[in-house]
Amino acid sequence: MLVLMAAEVYPLLARGVFATFGYFVIDGETGRGVLVDPGARPGLFLSAARERDWKIDAILLTHGHFDHMGAAGELRDAWSAPVRAHELADRYLLDPRLNLSADHGTPITLAGASKLSDGDRIPVGGIAGALEVLHVPGHTDDSCAFWCEQGGFALVGGAVYEGGPGLTAFPTGDGPRLRESIRKSILALLLDTMLLSGHSRPMTVAMLAASMR
């Protein structure tokens, strides 16, 4: 568990085709919060929330690749919690080729996600506007990060990986665009901001900046 100001961040590694970290972000005062990027094994996330008596108000997606949203539909039904993703996400959520699931066993689609835009603010329990949406395209067109200024962290999904920019070899990936997006949106944050990736250990903005020089 990472305790950051009023927000408690709980990473949970879901091992499906790929291993992807999902993150519960919880208001410790109310036990309410959001879940970011449940990629597989919905029972894992259901059990974690049930054991701690958390109420999940929304499921947030950093982007539409299947290993970040594969469990979202089942969890939405179980919790009656909306799925929220960037306004460009349907391109991926509705297309098994673009979300990569078509090449990995079972095609997955997810309809009905509500739209987020750059600069939108998302509450976490009783913490109004706790997370700010940062559009960081390049890994995919819809990639975004969820930044908590109060807590000093950002959930960066696939945009940052192993201390550098995320992978861009997949359809619609664009390396120069991702590097520019990171410079504009992520490296503009305070240097000690903790970056919580979907596929690697946490790092700071300072560490990321050093790797991109």
C-alpha atoms as a PDB file:
ATOM      1  CA  MET A   1       0.000   0.000   0.000  1.00  0.00           C
ATOM      2  CA  LEU A   2       1.189   3.495  -0.834  1.00  0.00           C
ATOM      3  CA  VAL A   3      -0.370   6.134   1.454  1.00  0.00           C
ATOM      4  CA  LEU A   4      -0.232   9.499  -0.264  1.00  0.00           C
ATOM      5  CA  MET A   5      -1.948  12.358   1.572  1.00  0.00           C
ATOM      6  CA  ALA A   6      -5.671  11.615   1.867  1.00  0.00           C
ATOM      7  CA  ALA A   7      -5.635   9.118  -1.008  1.00  0.00           C
ATOM      8  CA  GLU A   8      -4.623   5.532  -0.383  1.00  0.00           C
ATOM      9  CA  VAL A   9      -3.267   3.850  -3.498  1.00  0.00           C
ATOM     10  CA  TYR A  10      -3.394   0.061  -3.642  1.00  0.00           C
ATOM     11  CA  PRO A  11      -1.666  -1.618  -6.621  1.00  0.00           C
ATOM     12  CA  LEU A  12      -2.916  -5.045  -7.570  1.00  0.00           C
ATOM     13  CA  LEU A  13      -1.160  -7.126 -10.234  1.00  0.00           C
ATOM     14  CA  ALA A  14      -3.603  -8.995 -12.478  1.00  0.00           C
ATOM     15  CA  ARG A  15      -1.897 -11.730 -14.486  1.00  0.00           C
ATOM     16  CA  GLY A  16      -3.708 -12.483 -17.714  1.00  0.00           C
ATOM     17  CA  VAL A  17      -2.089 -12.680 -21.141  1.00  0.00           C
ATOM     18  CA  PHE A  18       0.080  -9.851 -19.811  1.00  0.00           C
ATOM     19  CA  ALA A  19       0.667  -8.846 -16.202  1.00  0.00           C
ATOM     20  CA  THR A  20      -0.847  -5.408 -15.587  1.00  0.00           C
ATOM     21  CA  PHE A  21      -1.129  -3.353 -12.433  1.00  0.00           C
ATOM     22  CA  GLY A  22      -4.611  -2.102 -11.587  1.00  0.00           C
ATOM     23  CA  TYR A  23      -4.801   0.611  -8.944  1.00  0.00           C
ATOM     24  CA  PHE A  24      -7.462   1.236  -6.347  1.00  0.00           C
ATOM     25  CA  VAL A  25      -7.429   4.896  -5.308  1.00  0.00           C
ATOM     26  CA  ILE A  26      -9.399   5.196  -2.081  1.00  0.00           C
ATOM     27  CA  ASP A  27     -10.473   8.049   0.178  1.00  0.00           C
ATOM     28  CA  GLY A  28      -9.376   6.746   3.554  1.00  0.00           C
ATOM     29  CA  GLU A  29     -12.020   8.770   5.353  1.00  0.00           C
ATOM     30  CA  THR A  30     -14.996   7.299   3.491  1.00  0.00           C
ATOM     31  CA  GLY A  31     -13.752   4.004   2.063  1.00  0.00           C
ATOM     32  CA  ARG A  32     -14.973   5.113  -1.370  1.00  0.00           C
ATOM     33  CA  GLY A  33     -12.916   5.523  -4.487  1.00  0.00           C
ATOM     34  CA  VAL A  34     -12.097   4.426  -8.025  1.00  0.00           C
ATOM     35  CA  LEU A  35     -10.330   1.549  -9.730  1.00  0.00           C
ATOM     36  CA  VAL A  36      -7.896   2.283 -12.573  1.00  0.00           C
ATOM     37  CA  ASP A  37      -7.109  -0.267 -15.318  1.00  0.00           C
ATOM     38  CA  PRO A  38      -8.545  -3.646 -14.313  1.00  0.00           C
ATOM     39  CA  GLY A  39      -7.033  -5.701 -17.128  1.00  0.00           C
ATOM     40  CA  ALA A  40      -7.942  -9.264 -16.162  1.00  0.00           C
ATOM     41  CA  ARG A  41      -9.204 -11.512 -13.360  1.00  0.00           C
ATOM     42  CA  PRO A  42     -12.231  -9.521 -12.177  1.00  0.00           C
ATOM     43  CA  GLY A  43     -12.575 -11.794  -9.152  1.00  0.00           C
ATOM     44  CA  LEU A  44      -9.238 -10.528  -7.876  1.00  0.00           C
ATOM     45  CA  PHE A  45     -10.530  -6.953  -7.773  1.00  0.00           C
ATOM     46  CA  LEU A  46     -13.935  -7.939  -6.430  1.00  0.00           C
ATOM     47  CA  SER A  47     -12.332  -9.832  -3.552  1.00  0.00           C
ATOM     48  CA  ALA A  48      -9.979  -6.971  -2.695  1.00  0.00           C
ATOM     49  CA  ALA A  49     -12.833  -4.455  -2.522  1.00  0.00           C
ATOM     50  CA  ARG A  50     -15.065  -6.821  -0.558  1.00  0.00           C
ATOM     51  CA  GLU A  51     -12.380  -7.669   1.996  1.00  0.00           C
ATOM     52  CA  ARG A  52     -11.762  -3.993   2.749  1.00  0.00           C
ATOM     53  CA  ASP A  53     -15.400  -2.926   2.471  1.00  0.00           C
ATOM     54  CA  TRP A  54     -14.595  -0.393  -0.258  1.00  0.00           C
ATOM     55  CA  LYS A  55     -17.269   1.218  -2.395  1.00  0.00           C
ATOM     56  CA  ILE A  56     -16.043   1.716  -5.964  1.00  0.00           C
ATOM     57  CA  ASP A  57     -17.736   4.664  -7.619  1.00  0.00           C
ATOM     58  CA  ALA A  58     -16.070   4.478 -11.052  1.00  0.00           C
ATOM     59  CA  ILE A  59     -13.700   2.413 -13.165  1.00  0.00           C
ATOM     60  CA  LEU A  60     -11.137   4.560 -14.991  1.00  0.00           C
ATOM     61  CA  LEU A  61      -9.127   3.480 -18.024  1.00  0.00           C
ATOM     62  CA  THR A  62      -5.802   5.002 -19.008  1.00  0.00           C
ATOM     63  CA  HIS A  63      -6.310   3.643 -22.539  1.00  0.00           C
ATOM     64  CA  GLY A  64      -8.210   1.034 -24.499  1.00  0.00           C
ATOM     65  CA  HIS A  65      -5.771  -1.874 -24.785  1.00  0.00           C
ATOM     66  CA  PHE A  66      -7.360  -5.112 -23.590  1.00  0.00           C
ATOM     67  CA  ASP A  67      -4.772  -5.710 -20.874  1.00  0.00           C
ATOM     68  CA  HIS A  68      -5.961  -2.518 -19.169  1.00  0.00           C
ATOM     69  CA  MET A  69      -9.729  -2.962 -19.610  1.00  0.00           C
ATOM     70  CA  GLY A  70     -10.406  -6.682 -19.943  1.00  0.00           C
ATOM     71  CA  ALA A  71     -12.166  -7.006 -16.575  1.00  0.00           C
ATOM     72  CA  ALA A  72     -13.936  -3.631 -16.685  1.00  0.00           C
ATOM     73  CA  GLY A  73     -17.246  -4.839 -18.083  1.00  0.00           C
ATOM     74  CA  GLU A  74     -17.778  -7.521 -15.450  1.00  0.00           C
ATOM     75  CA  LEU A  75     -16.748  -5.160 -12.661  1.00  0.00           C
ATOM     76  CA  ARG A  76     -19.059  -2.451 -13.964  1.00  0.00           C
ATOM     77  CA  ASP A  77     -21.963  -4.878 -13.729  1.00  0.00           C
ATOM     78  CA  ALA A  78     -20.974  -6.100 -10.260  1.00  0.00           C
ATOM     79  CA  TRP A  79     -20.543  -2.632  -8.764  1.00  0.00           C
ATOM     80  CA  SER A  80     -22.990  -0.620 -10.907  1.00  0.00           C
ATOM     81  CA  ALA A  81     -20.037   1.709 -11.423  1.00  0.00           C
ATOM     82  CA  PRO A  82     -19.539   3.597 -14.703  1.00  0.00           C
ATOM     83  CA  VAL A  83     -16.500   3.008 -16.868  1.00  0.00           C
ATOM     84  CA  ARG A  84     -14.804   6.279 -17.810  1.00  0.00           C
ATOM     85  CA  ALA A  85     -12.174   6.679 -20.535  1.00  0.00           C
ATOM     86  CA  HIS A  86     -10.784   9.346 -22.827  1.00  0.00           C
ATOM     87  CA  GLU A  87     -13.116  10.635 -25.532  1.00  0.00           C
ATOM     88  CA  LEU A  88     -11.033   8.834 -28.189  1.00  0.00           C
ATOM     89  CA  ALA A  89     -11.166   5.482 -26.376  1.00  0.00           C
ATOM     90  CA  ASP A  90     -14.107   3.928 -28.266  1.00  0.00           C
ATOM     91  CA  ARG A  91     -11.836   3.473 -31.272  1.00  0.00           C
ATOM     92  CA  TYR A  92      -9.979   0.879 -29.206  1.00  0.00           C
ATOM     93  CA  LEU A  93     -12.671  -0.382 -26.863  1.00  0.00           C
ATOM     94  CA  LEU A  94     -14.913  -1.407 -29.755  1.00  0.00           C
ATOM     95  CA  ASP A  95     -12.233  -2.851 -32.063  1.00  0.00           C
ATOM     96  CA  PRO A  96     -10.525  -6.112 -30.996  1.00  0.00           C
ATOM     97  CA  ARG A  97      -7.763  -5.516 -33.526  1.00  0.00           C
ATOM     98  CA  LEU A  98      -6.837  -2.107 -32.151  1.00  0.00           C
ATOM     99  CA  ASN A  99      -7.226  -3.131 -28.515  1.00  0.00           C
ATOM    100  CA  LEU A 100      -4.959  -6.139 -29.306  1.00  0.00           C
ATOM    101  CA  SER A 101      -7.310  -8.786 -27.923  1.00  0.00           C
ATOM    102  CA  ALA A 102      -7.911 -10.279 -31.396  1.00  0.00           C
ATOM    103  CA  ASP A 103      -4.305 -11.467 -31.478  1.00  0.00           C
ATOM    104  CA  HIS A 104      -4.370 -12.954 -27.972  1.00  0.00           C
ATOM    105  CA  GLY A 105      -7.083 -15.572 -27.796  1.00  0.00           C
ATOM    106  CA  THR A 106     -10.483 -13.996 -27.187  1.00  0.00           C
ATOM    107  CA  PRO A 107     -11.674 -10.792 -28.886  1.00  0.00           C
ATOM    108  CA  ILE A 108     -12.848  -8.295 -26.261  1.00  0.00           C
ATOM    109  CA  THR A 109     -15.012  -5.211 -26.700  1.00  0.00           C
ATOM    110  CA  LEU A 110     -16.393  -2.751 -24.174  1.00  0.00           C
ATOM    111  CA  ALA A 111     -19.270  -0.445 -25.089  1.00  0.00           C
ATOM    112  CA  GLY A 112     -20.800   2.411 -23.128  1.00  0.00           C
ATOM    113  CA  ALA A 113     -17.772   4.076 -21.559  1.00  0.00           C
ATOM    114  CA  SER A 114     -18.438   7.668 -20.557  1.00  0.00           C
ATOM    115  CA  LYS A 115     -16.073  10.236 -22.003  1.00  0.00           C
ATOM    116  CA  LEU A 116     -13.238  12.110 -20.332  1.00  0.00           C
ATOM    117  CA  SER A 117     -11.223  15.004 -21.757  1.00  0.00           C
ATOM    118  CA  ASP A 118      -7.887  16.581 -20.953  1.00  0.00           C
ATOM    119  CA  GLY A 119      -8.232  18.717 -17.831  1.00  0.00           C
ATOM    120  CA  ASP A 120     -11.325  16.973 -16.443  1.00  0.00           C
ATOM    121  CA  ARG A 121     -11.345  16.458 -12.665  1.00  0.00           C
ATOM    122  CA  ILE A 122     -12.552  13.232 -11.054  1.00  0.00           C
ATOM    123  CA  PRO A 123     -13.585  12.891  -7.398  1.00  0.00           C
ATOM    124  CA  VAL A 124     -12.246  10.127  -5.173  1.00  0.00           C
ATOM    125  CA  GLY A 125     -14.775   9.488  -2.409  1.00  0.00           C
ATOM    126  CA  GLY A 126     -15.178  12.789  -0.591  1.00  0.00           C
ATOM    127  CA  ILE A 127     -12.070  14.339  -2.202  1.00  0.00           C
ATOM    128  CA  ALA A 128     -13.480  16.636  -4.872  1.00  0.00           C
ATOM    129  CA  GLY A 129     -11.461  16.844  -8.078  1.00  0.00           C
ATOM    130  CA  ALA A 130      -8.777  14.568  -6.687  1.00  0.00           C
ATOM    131  CA  LEU A 131      -7.627  13.245 -10.070  1.00  0.00           C
ATOM    132  CA  GLU A 132      -6.951  15.391 -13.138  1.00  0.00           C
ATOM    133  CA  VAL A 133      -7.007  13.867 -16.613  1.00  0.00           C
ATOM    134  CA  LEU A 134      -3.811  14.444 -18.623  1.00  0.00           C
ATOM    135  CA  HIS A 135      -4.054  13.415 -22.281  1.00  0.00           C
ATOM    136  CA  VAL A 136      -0.735  11.740 -23.189  1.00  0.00           C
ATOM    137  CA  PRO A 137      -1.154  10.306 -26.721  1.00  0.00           C
ATOM    138  CA  GLY A 138       1.491   8.235 -28.425  1.00  0.00           C
ATOM    139  CA  HIS A 139       1.246   4.778 -26.871  1.00  0.00           C
ATOM    140  CA  THR A 140      -2.315   4.992 -28.217  1.00  0.00           C
ATOM    141  CA  ASP A 141      -4.321   7.984 -29.378  1.00  0.00           C
ATOM    142  CA  ASP A 142      -6.507   7.822 -26.259  1.00  0.00           C
ATOM    143  CA  SER A 143      -3.736   7.357 -23.671  1.00  0.00           C
ATOM    144  CA  CYS A 144      -4.090   9.485 -20.577  1.00  0.00           C
ATOM    145  CA  ALA A 145      -2.735   9.760 -17.067  1.00  0.00           C
ATOM    146  CA  PHE A 146      -4.654  10.495 -13.879  1.00  0.00           C
ATOM    147  CA  TRP A 147      -2.726  13.007 -11.773  1.00  0.00           C
ATOM    148  CA  CYS A 148      -3.353  13.631  -8.077  1.00  0.00           C
ATOM    149  CA  GLU A 149      -1.595  16.870  -7.200  1.00  0.00           C
ATOM    150  CA  GLN A 150      -2.552  16.572  -3.528  1.00  0.00           C
ATOM    151  CA  GLY A 151      -1.125  13.068  -3.276  1.00  0.00           C
ATOM    152  CA  GLY A 152       1.930  13.694  -5.440  1.00  0.00           C
ATOM    153  CA  PHE A 153       1.331  10.832  -7.859  1.00  0.00           C
ATOM    154  CA  ALA A 154       0.116  10.112 -11.370  1.00  0.00           C
ATOM    155  CA  LEU A 155      -1.268   6.862 -12.761  1.00  0.00           C
ATOM    156  CA  VAL A 156       0.317   6.656 -16.207  1.00  0.00           C
ATOM    157  CA  GLY A 157      -0.889   3.352 -17.669  1.00  0.00           C
ATOM    158  CA  GLY A 158       1.185   2.403 -20.714  1.00  0.00           C
ATOM    159  CA  ALA A 159       2.554   5.871 -21.448  1.00  0.00           C
ATOM    160  CA  VAL A 160       5.599   5.280 -19.225  1.00  0.00           C
ATOM    161  CA  TYR A 161       7.361   1.933 -18.895  1.00  0.00           C
ATOM    162  CA  GLU A 162      10.599   0.903 -17.140  1.00  0.00           C
ATOM    163  CA  GLY A 163      11.809   4.457 -16.663  1.00  0.00           C
ATOM    164  CA  GLY A 164      11.115   5.730 -20.180  1.00  0.00           C
ATOM    165  CA  PRO A 165       8.366   6.226 -22.758  1.00  0.00           C
ATOM    166  CA  GLY A 166       5.969   3.333 -23.230  1.00  0.00           C
ATOM    167  CA  LEU A 167       5.892   0.967 -26.181  1.00  0.00           C
ATOM    168  CA  THR A 168       4.824   2.318 -29.561  1.00  0.00           C
ATOM    169  CA  ALA A 169       5.086  -0.796 -31.752  1.00  0.00           C
ATOM    170  CA  PHE A 170       1.334  -1.467 -31.637  1.00  0.00           C
ATOM    171  CA  PRO A 171      -1.240  -0.100 -34.131  1.00  0.00           C
ATOM    172  CA  THR A 172      -1.527   3.734 -33.857  1.00  0.00           C
ATOM    173  CA  GLY A 173       1.616   3.907 -31.683  1.00  0.00           C
ATOM    174  CA  ASP A 174       3.784   6.951 -32.396  1.00  0.00           C
ATOM    175  CA  GLY A 175       7.154   7.291 -30.666  1.00  0.00           C
ATOM    176  CA  PRO A 176       7.899  10.976 -31.370  1.00  0.00           C
ATOM    177  CA  ARG A 177       4.364  11.930 -30.410  1.00  0.00           C
ATOM    178  CA  LEU A 178       4.596  10.030 -27.131  1.00  0.00           C
ATOM    179  CA  ARG A 179       7.899  11.655 -26.202  1.00  0.00           C
ATOM    180  CA  GLU A 180       6.439  15.086 -26.927  1.00  0.00           C
ATOM    181  CA  SER A 181       3.301  14.270 -24.911  1.00  0.00           C
ATOM    182  CA  ILE A 182       5.422  13.158 -21.958  1.00  0.00           C
ATOM    183  CA  ARG A 183       7.511  16.315 -22.096  1.00  0.00           C
ATOM    184  CA  LYS A 184       4.402  18.491 -22.223  1.00  0.00           C
ATOM    185  CA  SER A 185       2.242  16.754 -19.623  1.00  0.00           C
ATOM    186  CA  ILE A 186       4.305  14.452 -17.404  1.00  0.00           C
ATOM    187  CA  LEU A 187       7.668  16.198 -17.151  1.00  0.00           C
ATOM    188  CA  ALA A 188       5.812  19.422 -16.297  1.00  0.00           C
ATOM    189  CA  LEU A 189       4.819  17.883 -12.946  1.00  0.00           C
ATOM    190  CA  LEU A 190       6.907  18.317  -9.801  1.00  0.00           C
ATOM    191  CA  LEU A 191      10.103  16.290  -9.942  1.00  0.00           C
ATOM    192  CA  ASP A 192       9.181  14.167  -6.918  1.00  0.00           C
ATOM    193  CA  THR A 193       5.778  13.198  -8.361  1.00  0.00           C
ATOM    194  CA  MET A 194       5.486   9.418  -8.239  1.00  0.00           C
ATOM    195  CA  LEU A 195       4.601   7.789 -11.582  1.00  0.00           C
ATOM    196  CA  LEU A 196       2.630   4.562 -11.199  1.00  0.00           C
ATOM    197  CA  SER A 197       2.837   2.521 -14.395  1.00  0.00           C
ATOM    198  CA  GLY A 198       0.733  -0.361 -15.586  1.00  0.00           C
ATOM    199  CA  HIS A 199       3.754  -2.535 -16.288  1.00  0.00           C
ATOM    200  CA  SER A 200       6.739  -1.533 -14.200  1.00  0.00           C
ATOM    201  CA  ARG A 201       7.935  -0.349 -10.825  1.00  0.00           C
ATOM    202  CA  PRO A 202       7.105   3.195  -9.625  1.00  0.00           C
ATOM    203  CA  MET A 203       9.457   5.981 -10.629  1.00  0.00           C
ATOM    204  CA  THR A 204       9.605   9.728 -10.113  1.00  0.00           C
ATOM    205  CA  VAL A 205       9.324  12.465 -12.713  1.00  0.00           C
ATOM    206  CA  ALA A 206      12.997  13.228 -12.012  1.00  0.00           C
ATOM    207  CA  MET A 207      13.945   9.634 -12.880  1.00  0.00           C
ATOM    208  CA  LEU A 208      11.911   9.760 -16.072  1.00  0.00           C
ATOM    209  CA  ALA A 209      13.401  13.092 -17.089  1.00  0.00           C
ATOM    210  CA  ALA A 210      16.921  11.736 -16.601  1.00  0.00           C
ATOM    211  CA  SER A 211      16.168   8.716 -18.783  1.00  0.00           C
ATOM    212  CA  MET A 212      14.938  10.938 -21.629  1.00  0.00           C
ATOM    213  CA  ARG A 213      17.936  13.278 -21.850  1.00  0.00           C
END
